Amino acid sequence: MPDVHVVWDGLPFWCELKVSKGNAVNISPHQIAWNAAYWARGGSNFFLVKSLSSRELLLFGGDQGGALVQGGLSAAQGSRFANPAALFAGLRPLLVARCPAAPRAV
């Protein structure tokens, strides 16, 4: 089970929190399996990685665990954010896309 469960303005999601000194990300086989299965069934879950070298926040869908382990940050498909405000601004459209019945921003 991921580190954090959040319900933000009616949009529920899980986040697996990681820190990376370089390109590699340490994710266990259990974490990969849980996140991939949850994502495949329509859940909203992400790997949120803090890059110590670039100081960026990197967000990857729950289906990207295998790519993160095999090829690191440069191999997985994700989004880069300079700060938490940018992360949350970019996260909302991803959550709405994963859950079309979710409440819209007012």
PDB file of N, CA and C in Angstrom:
ATOM      1  N   MET A   1       0.856  -1.173   0.000  1.00  0.00           N
ATOM      2  CA  MET A   1       0.000   0.000   0.000  1.00  0.00           C
ATOM      3  C   MET A   1       0.904   1.238   0.000  1.00  0.00           C
ATOM      4  N   PRO A   2       0.581   2.247  -0.818  1.00  0.00           N
ATOM      5  CA  PRO A   2       1.411   3.457  -0.891  1.00  0.00           C
ATOM      6  C   PRO A   2       1.481   4.226   0.420  1.00  0.00           C
ATOM      7  N   ASP A   3       2.377   5.192   0.453  1.00  0.00           N
ATOM      8  CA  ASP A   3       2.655   5.968   1.665  1.00  0.00           C
ATOM      9  C   ASP A   3       1.514   6.893   2.081  1.00  0.00           C
ATOM     10  N   VAL A   4       0.840   7.503   1.103  1.00  0.00           N
ATOM     11  CA  VAL A   4      -0.121   8.564   1.414  1.00  0.00           C
ATOM     12  C   VAL A   4      -1.411   8.365   0.627  1.00  0.00           C
ATOM     13  N   HIS A   5      -2.539   8.508   1.315  1.00  0.00           N
ATOM     14  CA  HIS A   5      -3.840   8.573   0.643  1.00  0.00           C
ATOM     15  C   HIS A   5      -4.378   9.976   0.867  1.00  0.00           C
ATOM     16  N   VAL A   6      -4.773  10.627  -0.228  1.00  0.00           N
ATOM     17  CA  VAL A   6      -5.243  12.013  -0.173  1.00  0.00           C
ATOM     18  C   VAL A   6      -6.619  12.093  -0.814  1.00  0.00           C
ATOM     19  N   VAL A   7      -7.488  12.889  -0.214  1.00  0.00           N
ATOM     20  CA  VAL A   7      -8.733  13.293  -0.862  1.00  0.00           C
ATOM     21  C   VAL A   7      -8.657  14.804  -0.931  1.00  0.00           C
ATOM     22  N   TRP A   8      -8.472  15.301  -2.138  1.00  0.00           N
ATOM     23  CA  TRP A   8      -8.260  16.729  -2.361  1.00  0.00           C
ATOM     24  C   TRP A   8      -9.418  17.263  -3.188  1.00  0.00           C
ATOM     25  N   ASP A   9     -10.249  18.100  -2.581  1.00  0.00           N
ATOM     26  CA  ASP A   9     -11.435  18.645  -3.247  1.00  0.00           C
ATOM     27  C   ASP A   9     -12.283  17.542  -3.888  1.00  0.00           C
ATOM     28  N   GLY A  10     -12.457  16.443  -3.179  1.00  0.00           N
ATOM     29  CA  GLY A  10     -13.271  15.343  -3.673  1.00  0.00           C
ATOM     30  C   GLY A  10     -12.568  14.409  -4.642  1.00  0.00           C
ATOM     31  N   LEU A  11     -11.276  14.626  -4.871  1.00  0.00           N
ATOM     32  CA  LEU A  11     -10.497  13.791  -5.790  1.00  0.00           C
ATOM     33  C   LEU A  11      -9.568  12.880  -4.979  1.00  0.00           C
ATOM     34  N   PRO A  12      -9.895  11.589  -4.855  1.00  0.00           N
ATOM     35  CA  PRO A  12      -9.059  10.676  -4.059  1.00  0.00           C
ATOM     36  C   PRO A  12      -7.900  10.115  -4.887  1.00  0.00           C
ATOM     37  N   PHE A  13      -6.735   9.981  -4.238  1.00  0.00           N
ATOM     38  CA  PHE A  13      -5.593   9.348  -4.892  1.00  0.00           C
ATOM     39  C   PHE A  13      -4.581   8.883  -3.862  1.00  0.00           C
ATOM     40  N   TRP A  14      -3.728   7.959  -4.297  1.00  0.00           N
ATOM     41  CA  TRP A  14      -2.633   7.420  -3.494  1.00  0.00           C
ATOM     42  C   TRP A  14      -1.310   7.910  -4.066  1.00  0.00           C
ATOM     43  N   CYS A  15      -0.318   8.085  -3.188  1.00  0.00           N
ATOM     44  CA  CYS A  15       1.029   8.467  -3.630  1.00  0.00           C
ATOM     45  C   CYS A  15       2.081   7.622  -2.920  1.00  0.00           C
ATOM     46  N   GLU A  16       2.967   7.072  -3.710  1.00  0.00           N
ATOM     47  CA  GLU A  16       4.169   6.396  -3.202  1.00  0.00           C
ATOM     48  C   GLU A  16       5.270   7.455  -3.246  1.00  0.00           C
ATOM     49  N   LEU A  17       5.841   7.790  -2.106  1.00  0.00           N
ATOM     50  CA  LEU A  17       6.840   8.858  -2.013  1.00  0.00           C
ATOM     51  C   LEU A  17       8.250   8.292  -2.093  1.00  0.00           C
ATOM     52  N   LYS A  18       9.071   8.880  -2.960  1.00  0.00           N
ATOM     53  CA  LYS A  18      10.450   8.436  -3.156  1.00  0.00           C
ATOM     54  C   LYS A  18      11.377   9.634  -3.263  1.00  0.00           C
ATOM     55  N   VAL A  19      12.657   9.392  -2.977  1.00  0.00           N
ATOM     56  CA  VAL A  19      13.709  10.388  -3.148  1.00  0.00           C
ATOM     57  C   VAL A  19      14.783   9.752  -4.021  1.00  0.00           C
ATOM     58  N   SER A  20      15.327  10.551  -4.942  1.00  0.00           N
ATOM     59  CA  SER A  20      16.361  10.030  -5.837  1.00  0.00           C
ATOM     60  C   SER A  20      17.551  10.978  -5.836  1.00  0.00           C
ATOM     61  N   LYS A  21      18.749  10.418  -5.615  1.00  0.00           N
ATOM     62  CA  LYS A  21      19.977  11.221  -5.669  1.00  0.00           C
ATOM     63  C   LYS A  21      20.458  11.388  -7.101  1.00  0.00           C
ATOM     64  N   GLY A  22      20.096  10.463  -7.969  1.00  0.00           N
ATOM     65  CA  GLY A  22      20.507  10.490  -9.371  1.00  0.00           C
ATOM     66  C   GLY A  22      19.356  10.049 -10.238  1.00  0.00           C
ATOM     67  N   ASN A  23      19.615   9.113 -11.135  1.00  0.00           N
ATOM     68  CA  ASN A  23      18.582   8.620 -12.043  1.00  0.00           C
ATOM     69  C   ASN A  23      17.796   7.448 -11.443  1.00  0.00           C
ATOM     70  N   ALA A  24      18.415   6.674 -10.578  1.00  0.00           N
ATOM     71  CA  ALA A  24      17.794   5.459 -10.042  1.00  0.00           C
ATOM     72  C   ALA A  24      16.739   5.775  -8.980  1.00  0.00           C
ATOM     73  N   VAL A  25      15.702   4.917  -8.953  1.00  0.00           N
ATOM     74  CA  VAL A  25      14.648   5.015  -7.943  1.00  0.00           C
ATOM     75  C   VAL A  25      14.480   3.630  -7.332  1.00  0.00           C
ATOM     76  N   ASN A  26      14.510   3.550  -6.019  1.00  0.00           N
ATOM     77  CA  ASN A  26      14.394   2.277  -5.314  1.00  0.00           C
ATOM     78  C   ASN A  26      12.919   1.974  -5.028  1.00  0.00           C
ATOM     79  N   ILE A  27      12.362   1.029  -5.780  1.00  0.00           N
ATOM     80  CA  ILE A  27      10.967   0.626  -5.616  1.00  0.00           C
ATOM     81  C   ILE A  27      10.943  -0.895  -5.492  1.00  0.00           C
ATOM     82  N   SER A  28      10.239  -1.395  -4.487  1.00  0.00           N
ATOM     83  CA  SER A  28      10.188  -2.841  -4.270  1.00  0.00           C
ATOM     84  C   SER A  28       9.233  -3.512  -5.267  1.00  0.00           C
ATOM     85  N   PRO A  29       9.420  -4.804  -5.504  1.00  0.00           N
ATOM     86  CA  PRO A  29       8.496  -5.533  -6.373  1.00  0.00           C
ATOM     87  C   PRO A  29       7.042  -5.455  -5.888  1.00  0.00           C
ATOM     88  N   HIS A  30       6.846  -5.474  -4.570  1.00  0.00           N
ATOM     89  CA  HIS A  30       5.491  -5.358  -4.011  1.00  0.00           C
ATOM     90  C   HIS A  30       4.883  -3.995  -4.354  1.00  0.00           C
ATOM     91  N   GLN A  31       5.672  -2.922  -4.251  1.00  0.00           N
ATOM     92  CA  GLN A  31       5.176  -1.587  -4.582  1.00  0.00           C
ATOM     93  C   GLN A  31       4.821  -1.483  -6.065  1.00  0.00           C
ATOM     94  N   ILE A  32       5.642  -2.068  -6.911  1.00  0.00           N
ATOM     95  CA  ILE A  32       5.359  -2.063  -8.346  1.00  0.00           C
ATOM     96  C   ILE A  32       4.043  -2.798  -8.608  1.00  0.00           C
ATOM     97  N   ALA A  33       3.894  -3.980  -8.028  1.00  0.00           N
ATOM     98  CA  ALA A  33       2.704  -4.803  -8.265  1.00  0.00           C
ATOM     99  C   ALA A  33       1.434  -4.117  -7.775  1.00  0.00           C
ATOM    100  N   TRP A  34       1.464  -3.582  -6.548  1.00  0.00           N
ATOM    101  CA  TRP A  34       0.268  -2.932  -5.997  1.00  0.00           C
ATOM    102  C   TRP A  34      -0.142  -1.748  -6.864  1.00  0.00           C
ATOM    103  N   ASN A  35       0.808  -0.893  -7.176  1.00  0.00           N
ATOM    104  CA  ASN A  35       0.502   0.307  -7.958  1.00  0.00           C
ATOM    105  C   ASN A  35       0.034  -0.027  -9.372  1.00  0.00           C
ATOM    106  N   ALA A  36       0.662  -0.994 -10.016  1.00  0.00           N
ATOM    107  CA  ALA A  36       0.259  -1.379 -11.370  1.00  0.00           C
ATOM    108  C   ALA A  36      -1.161  -1.952 -11.376  1.00  0.00           C
ATOM    109  N   ALA A  37      -1.470  -2.800 -10.410  1.00  0.00           N
ATOM    110  CA  ALA A  37      -2.797  -3.404 -10.338  1.00  0.00           C
ATOM    111  C   ALA A  37      -3.873  -2.357 -10.053  1.00  0.00           C
ATOM    112  N   TYR A  38      -3.600  -1.456  -9.140  1.00  0.00           N
ATOM    113  CA  TYR A  38      -4.569  -0.411  -8.791  1.00  0.00           C
ATOM    114  C   TYR A  38      -4.824   0.499  -9.988  1.00  0.00           C
ATOM    115  N   TRP A  39      -3.751   0.905 -10.666  1.00  0.00           N
ATOM    116  CA  TRP A  39      -3.859   1.765 -11.858  1.00  0.00           C
ATOM    117  C   TRP A  39      -4.651   1.067 -12.968  1.00  0.00           C
ATOM    118  N   ALA A  40      -4.348  -0.209 -13.194  1.00  0.00           N
ATOM    119  CA  ALA A  40      -5.005  -0.971 -14.260  1.00  0.00           C
ATOM    120  C   ALA A  40      -6.511  -1.097 -14.032  1.00  0.00           C
ATOM    121  N   ARG A  41      -6.928  -1.020 -12.784  1.00  0.00           N
ATOM    122  CA  ARG A  41      -8.346  -1.135 -12.461  1.00  0.00           C
ATOM    123  C   ARG A  41      -9.031   0.231 -12.367  1.00  0.00           C
ATOM    124  N   GLY A  42      -8.327   1.274 -12.832  1.00  0.00           N
ATOM    125  CA  GLY A  42      -8.928   2.609 -12.887  1.00  0.00           C
ATOM    126  C   GLY A  42      -8.645   3.487 -11.692  1.00  0.00           C
ATOM    127  N   GLY A  43      -7.812   3.030 -10.764  1.00  0.00           N
ATOM    128  CA  GLY A  43      -7.484   3.845  -9.594  1.00  0.00           C
ATOM    129  C   GLY A  43      -6.569   4.998  -9.941  1.00  0.00           C
ATOM    130  N   SER A  44      -6.572   5.993  -9.078  1.00  0.00           N
ATOM    131  CA  SER A  44      -5.668   7.135  -9.228  1.00  0.00           C
ATOM    132  C   SER A  44      -4.546   6.977  -8.214  1.00  0.00           C
ATOM    133  N   ASN A  45      -3.355   6.698  -8.712  1.00  0.00           N
ATOM    134  CA  ASN A  45      -2.205   6.510  -7.840  1.00  0.00           C
ATOM    135  C   ASN A  45      -0.948   6.883  -8.603  1.00  0.00           C
ATOM    136  N   PHE A  46       0.033   7.372  -7.848  1.00  0.00           N
ATOM    137  CA  PHE A  46       1.219   7.945  -8.464  1.00  0.00           C
ATOM    138  C   PHE A  46       2.471   7.634  -7.654  1.00  0.00           C
ATOM    139  N   PHE A  47       3.603   7.705  -8.343  1.00  0.00           N
ATOM    140  CA  PHE A  47       4.909   7.728  -7.692  1.00  0.00           C
ATOM    141  C   PHE A  47       5.337   9.185  -7.725  1.00  0.00           C
ATOM    142  N   LEU A  48       5.572   9.767  -6.558  1.00  0.00           N
ATOM    143  CA  LEU A  48       6.047  11.144  -6.472  1.00  0.00           C
ATOM    144  C   LEU A  48       7.499  11.084  -6.010  1.00  0.00           C
ATOM    145  N   VAL A  49       8.409  11.543  -6.866  1.00  0.00           N
ATOM    146  CA  VAL A  49       9.837  11.436  -6.608  1.00  0.00           C
ATOM    147  C   VAL A  49      10.433  12.831  -6.460  1.00  0.00           C
ATOM    148  N   LYS A  50      11.160  13.040  -5.391  1.00  0.00           N
ATOM    149  CA  LYS A  50      11.922  14.279  -5.205  1.00  0.00           C
ATOM    150  C   LYS A  50      13.333  14.014  -5.711  1.00  0.00           C
ATOM    151  N   SER A  51      13.726  14.746  -6.740  1.00  0.00           N
ATOM    152  CA  SER A  51      15.080  14.620  -7.272  1.00  0.00           C
ATOM    153  C   SER A  51      15.995  15.557  -6.503  1.00  0.00           C
ATOM    154  N   LEU A  52      16.959  14.993  -5.792  1.00  0.00           N
ATOM    155  CA  LEU A  52      17.869  15.826  -5.016  1.00  0.00           C
ATOM    156  C   LEU A  52      18.832  16.598  -5.911  1.00  0.00           C
ATOM    157  N   SER A  53      19.163  16.037  -7.063  1.00  0.00           N
ATOM    158  CA  SER A  53      20.113  16.708  -7.954  1.00  0.00           C
ATOM    159  C   SER A  53      19.485  17.915  -8.653  1.00  0.00           C
ATOM    160  N   SER A  54      18.243  17.804  -9.104  1.00  0.00           N
ATOM    161  CA  SER A  54      17.607  18.919  -9.810  1.00  0.00           C
ATOM    162  C   SER A  54      16.656  19.716  -8.919  1.00  0.00           C
ATOM    163  N   ARG A  55      16.336  19.171  -7.741  1.00  0.00           N
ATOM    164  CA  ARG A  55      15.398  19.776  -6.789  1.00  0.00           C
ATOM    165  C   ARG A  55      13.960  19.815  -7.310  1.00  0.00           C
ATOM    166  N   GLU A  56      13.686  19.060  -8.370  1.00  0.00           N
ATOM    167  CA  GLU A  56      12.347  19.006  -8.941  1.00  0.00           C
ATOM    168  C   GLU A  56      11.516  17.917  -8.274  1.00  0.00           C
ATOM    169  N   LEU A  57      10.213  18.043  -8.410  1.00  0.00           N
ATOM    170  CA  LEU A  57       9.267  17.001  -8.045  1.00  0.00           C
ATOM    171  C   LEU A  57       8.853  16.325  -9.341  1.00  0.00           C
ATOM    172  N   LEU A  58       8.935  15.000  -9.376  1.00  0.00           N
ATOM    173  CA  LEU A  58       8.583  14.243 -10.576  1.00  0.00           C
ATOM    174  C   LEU A  58       7.413  13.335 -10.247  1.00  0.00           C
ATOM    175  N   LEU A  59       6.394  13.388 -11.073  1.00  0.00           N
ATOM    176  CA  LEU A  59       5.177  12.622 -10.852  1.00  0.00           C
ATOM    177  C   LEU A  59       4.993  11.610 -11.969  1.00  0.00           C
ATOM    178  N   PHE A  60       4.817  10.344 -11.571  1.00  0.00           N
ATOM    179  CA  PHE A  60       4.645   9.247 -12.520  1.00  0.00           C
ATOM    180  C   PHE A  60       3.376   8.486 -12.173  1.00  0.00           C
ATOM    181  N   GLY A  61       2.648   8.055 -13.191  1.00  0.00           N
ATOM    182  CA  GLY A  61       1.460   7.247 -12.962  1.00  0.00           C
ATOM    183  C   GLY A  61       1.809   5.936 -12.286  1.00  0.00           C
ATOM    184  N   GLY A  62       0.826   5.333 -11.649  1.00  0.00           N
ATOM    185  CA  GLY A  62       1.029   4.068 -10.959  1.00  0.00           C
ATOM    186  C   GLY A  62       1.481   2.934 -11.851  1.00  0.00           C
ATOM    187  N   ASP A  63       1.324   3.097 -13.152  1.00  0.00           N
ATOM    188  CA  ASP A  63       1.760   2.071 -14.102  1.00  0.00           C
ATOM    189  C   ASP A  63       3.228   2.203 -14.485  1.00  0.00           C
ATOM    190  N   GLN A  64       3.938   3.173 -13.941  1.00  0.00           N
ATOM    191  CA  GLN A  64       5.317   3.447 -14.343  1.00  0.00           C
ATOM    192  C   GLN A  64       6.379   2.861 -13.406  1.00  0.00           C
ATOM    193  N   GLY A  65       5.983   2.099 -12.408  1.00  0.00           N
ATOM    194  CA  GLY A  65       6.937   1.541 -11.453  1.00  0.00           C
ATOM    195  C   GLY A  65       8.014   0.681 -12.092  1.00  0.00           C
ATOM    196  N   GLY A  66       7.618  -0.197 -12.985  1.00  0.00           N
ATOM    197  CA  GLY A  66       8.592  -1.064 -13.655  1.00  0.00           C
ATOM    198  C   GLY A  66       9.596  -0.269 -14.461  1.00  0.00           C
ATOM    199  N   ALA A  67       9.135   0.733 -15.191  1.00  0.00           N
ATOM    200  CA  ALA A  67      10.030   1.577 -15.986  1.00  0.00           C
ATOM    201  C   ALA A  67      10.973   2.363 -15.088  1.00  0.00           C
ATOM    202  N   LEU A  68      10.485   2.822 -13.945  1.00  0.00           N
ATOM    203  CA  LEU A  68      11.344   3.560 -13.011  1.00  0.00           C
ATOM    204  C   LEU A  68      12.471   2.682 -12.478  1.00  0.00           C
ATOM    205  N   VAL A  69      12.156   1.432 -12.167  1.00  0.00           N
ATOM    206  CA  VAL A  69      13.174   0.517 -11.649  1.00  0.00           C
ATOM    207  C   VAL A  69      14.156   0.128 -12.745  1.00  0.00           C
ATOM    208  N   GLN A  70      13.648  -0.186 -13.919  1.00  0.00           N
ATOM    209  CA  GLN A  70      14.514  -0.670 -15.000  1.00  0.00           C
ATOM    210  C   GLN A  70      15.388   0.415 -15.608  1.00  0.00           C
ATOM    211  N   GLY A  71      14.822   1.605 -15.822  1.00  0.00           N
ATOM    212  CA  GLY A  71      15.585   2.641 -16.521  1.00  0.00           C
ATOM    213  C   GLY A  71      15.747   3.948 -15.774  1.00  0.00           C
ATOM    214  N   GLY A  72      15.180   4.017 -14.583  1.00  0.00           N
ATOM    215  CA  GLY A  72      15.314   5.227 -13.788  1.00  0.00           C
ATOM    216  C   GLY A  72      14.395   6.351 -14.243  1.00  0.00           C
ATOM    217  N   LEU A  73      14.642   7.519 -13.697  1.00  0.00           N
ATOM    218  CA  LEU A  73      13.800   8.675 -13.966  1.00  0.00           C
ATOM    219  C   LEU A  73      13.734   9.030 -15.446  1.00  0.00           C
ATOM    220  N   SER A  74      14.831   8.803 -16.154  1.00  0.00           N
ATOM    221  CA  SER A  74      14.871   9.180 -17.566  1.00  0.00           C
ATOM    222  C   SER A  74      14.082   8.217 -18.461  1.00  0.00           C
ATOM    223  N   ALA A  75      13.745   7.025 -17.966  1.00  0.00           N
ATOM    224  CA  ALA A  75      13.059   6.025 -18.794  1.00  0.00           C
ATOM    225  C   ALA A  75      11.543   6.051 -18.630  1.00  0.00           C
ATOM    226  N   ALA A  76      11.057   6.526 -17.510  1.00  0.00           N
ATOM    227  CA  ALA A  76       9.620   6.504 -17.245  1.00  0.00           C
ATOM    228  C   ALA A  76       8.957   7.759 -17.811  1.00  0.00           C
ATOM    229  N   GLN A  77       7.657   7.646 -18.052  1.00  0.00           N
ATOM    230  CA  GLN A  77       6.897   8.779 -18.555  1.00  0.00           C
ATOM    231  C   GLN A  77       6.217   9.479 -17.393  1.00  0.00           C
ATOM    232  N   GLY A  78       6.627  10.708 -17.157  1.00  0.00           N
ATOM    233  CA  GLY A  78       6.066  11.461 -16.052  1.00  0.00           C
ATOM    234  C   GLY A  78       6.116  12.948 -16.312  1.00  0.00           C
ATOM    235  N   SER A  79       5.816  13.704 -15.279  1.00  0.00           N
ATOM    236  CA  SER A  79       5.805  15.162 -15.370  1.00  0.00           C
ATOM    237  C   SER A  79       6.741  15.736 -14.323  1.00  0.00           C
ATOM    238  N   ARG A  80       7.389  16.848 -14.682  1.00  0.00           N
ATOM    239  CA  ARG A  80       8.327  17.525 -13.774  1.00  0.00           C
ATOM    240  C   ARG A  80       7.718  18.827 -13.289  1.00  0.00           C
ATOM    241  N   PHE A  81       7.914  19.106 -11.997  1.00  0.00           N
ATOM    242  CA  PHE A  81       7.377  20.321 -11.401  1.00  0.00           C
ATOM    243  C   PHE A  81       8.451  20.979 -10.541  1.00  0.00           C
ATOM    244  N   ALA A  82       8.494  22.295 -10.592  1.00  0.00           N
ATOM    245  CA  ALA A  82       9.515  23.050  -9.863  1.00  0.00           C
ATOM    246  C   ALA A  82       9.190  23.186  -8.383  1.00  0.00           C
ATOM    247  N   ASN A  83       7.907  23.106  -8.022  1.00  0.00           N
ATOM    248  CA  ASN A  83       7.519  23.322  -6.632  1.00  0.00           C
ATOM    249  C   ASN A  83       6.162  22.666  -6.364  1.00  0.00           C
ATOM    250  N   PRO A  84       5.750  22.597  -5.097  1.00  0.00           N
ATOM    251  CA  PRO A  84       4.467  21.956  -4.774  1.00  0.00           C
ATOM    252  C   PRO A  84       3.259  22.633  -5.427  1.00  0.00           C
ATOM    253  N   ALA A  85       3.255  23.953  -5.548  1.00  0.00           N
ATOM    254  CA  ALA A  85       2.121  24.638  -6.179  1.00  0.00           C
ATOM    255  C   ALA A  85       1.970  24.198  -7.623  1.00  0.00           C
ATOM    256  N   ALA A  86       3.065  24.107  -8.347  1.00  0.00           N
ATOM    257  CA  ALA A  86       3.025  23.646  -9.735  1.00  0.00           C
ATOM    258  C   ALA A  86       2.580  22.186  -9.806  1.00  0.00           C
ATOM    259  N   LEU A  87       3.035  21.379  -8.855  1.00  0.00           N
ATOM    260  CA  LEU A  87       2.625  19.974  -8.802  1.00  0.00           C
ATOM    261  C   LEU A  87       1.108  19.859  -8.678  1.00  0.00           C
ATOM    262  N   PHE A  88       0.515  20.566  -7.729  1.00  0.00           N
ATOM    263  CA  PHE A  88      -0.931  20.455  -7.527  1.00  0.00           C
ATOM    264  C   PHE A  88      -1.717  21.030  -8.695  1.00  0.00           C
ATOM    265  N   ALA A  89      -1.197  22.068  -9.343  1.00  0.00           N
ATOM    266  CA  ALA A  89      -1.861  22.604 -10.534  1.00  0.00           C
ATOM    267  C   ALA A  89      -1.842  21.574 -11.659  1.00  0.00           C
ATOM    268  N   GLY A  90      -0.753  20.839 -11.797  1.00  0.00           N
ATOM    269  CA  GLY A  90      -0.648  19.815 -12.832  1.00  0.00           C
ATOM    270  C   GLY A  90      -1.343  18.516 -12.474  1.00  0.00           C
ATOM    271  N   LEU A  91      -1.534  18.277 -11.193  1.00  0.00           N
ATOM    272  CA  LEU A  91      -2.148  17.034 -10.729  1.00  0.00           C
ATOM    273  C   LEU A  91      -3.654  17.009 -10.976  1.00  0.00           C
ATOM    274  N   ARG A  92      -4.317  18.139 -10.787  1.00  0.00           N
ATOM    275  CA  ARG A  92      -5.780  18.168 -10.920  1.00  0.00           C
ATOM    276  C   ARG A  92      -6.262  17.612 -12.258  1.00  0.00           C
ATOM    277  N   PRO A  93      -5.718  18.049 -13.428  1.00  0.00           N
ATOM    278  CA  PRO A  93      -6.214  17.487 -14.692  1.00  0.00           C
ATOM    279  C   PRO A  93      -5.965  15.981 -14.813  1.00  0.00           C
ATOM    280  N   LEU A  94      -4.884  15.499 -14.228  1.00  0.00           N
ATOM    281  CA  LEU A  94      -4.608  14.057 -14.258  1.00  0.00           C
ATOM    282  C   LEU A  94      -5.665  13.293 -13.469  1.00  0.00           C
ATOM    283  N   LEU A  95      -6.035  13.822 -12.307  1.00  0.00           N
ATOM    284  CA  LEU A  95      -7.036  13.166 -11.468  1.00  0.00           C
ATOM    285  C   LEU A  95      -8.410  13.192 -12.128  1.00  0.00           C
ATOM    286  N   VAL A  96      -8.773  14.322 -12.701  1.00  0.00           N
ATOM    287  CA  VAL A  96     -10.069  14.429 -13.367  1.00  0.00           C
ATOM    288  C   VAL A  96     -10.131  13.472 -14.554  1.00  0.00           C
ATOM    289  N   ALA A  97      -9.031  13.335 -15.286  1.00  0.00           N
ATOM    290  CA  ALA A  97      -8.995  12.410 -16.420  1.00  0.00           C
ATOM    291  C   ALA A  97      -9.147  10.960 -15.967  1.00  0.00           C
ATOM    292  N   ARG A  98      -8.589  10.615 -14.801  1.00  0.00           N
ATOM    293  CA  ARG A  98      -8.681   9.240 -14.291  1.00  0.00           C
ATOM    294  C   ARG A  98     -10.068   8.950 -13.728  1.00  0.00           C
ATOM    295  N   CYS A  99     -10.757   9.991 -13.289  1.00  0.00           N
ATOM    296  CA  CYS A  99     -12.063   9.814 -12.641  1.00  0.00           C
ATOM    297  C   CYS A  99     -13.045  10.840 -13.200  1.00  0.00           C
ATOM    298  N   PRO A 100     -13.630  10.573 -14.353  1.00  0.00           N
ATOM    299  CA  PRO A 100     -14.508  11.552 -15.013  1.00  0.00           C
ATOM    300  C   PRO A 100     -15.699  12.002 -14.157  1.00  0.00           C
ATOM    301  N   ALA A 101     -16.146  11.187 -13.212  1.00  0.00           N
ATOM    302  CA  ALA A 101     -17.289  11.564 -12.379  1.00  0.00           C
ATOM    303  C   ALA A 101     -16.878  12.421 -11.185  1.00  0.00           C
ATOM    304  N   ALA A 102     -15.591  12.735 -11.086  1.00  0.00           N
ATOM    305  CA  ALA A 102     -15.083  13.499  -9.953  1.00  0.00           C
ATOM    306  C   ALA A 102     -15.601  14.935  -9.993  1.00  0.00           C
ATOM    307  N   PRO A 103     -15.690  15.553  -8.827  1.00  0.00           N
ATOM    308  CA  PRO A 103     -16.124  16.957  -8.783  1.00  0.00           C
ATOM    309  C   PRO A 103     -15.156  17.854  -9.540  1.00  0.00           C
ATOM    310  N   ARG A 104     -15.679  18.864 -10.180  1.00  0.00           N
ATOM    311  CA  ARG A 104     -14.856  19.832 -10.902  1.00  0.00           C
ATOM    312  C   ARG A 104     -14.542  21.009  -9.982  1.00  0.00           C
ATOM    313  N   ALA A 105     -13.456  21.704 -10.295  1.00  0.00           N
ATOM    314  CA  ALA A 105     -13.069  22.881  -9.501  1.00  0.00           C
ATOM    315  C   ALA A 105     -14.139  23.962  -9.623  1.00  0.00           C
ATOM    316  N   VAL A 106     -14.332  24.664  -8.528  1.00  0.00           N
ATOM    317  CA  VAL A 106     -15.303  25.768  -8.539  1.00  0.00           C
ATOM    318  C   VAL A 106     -14.616  27.089  -8.659  1.00  0.00           C
TER     319      VAL A 106
END
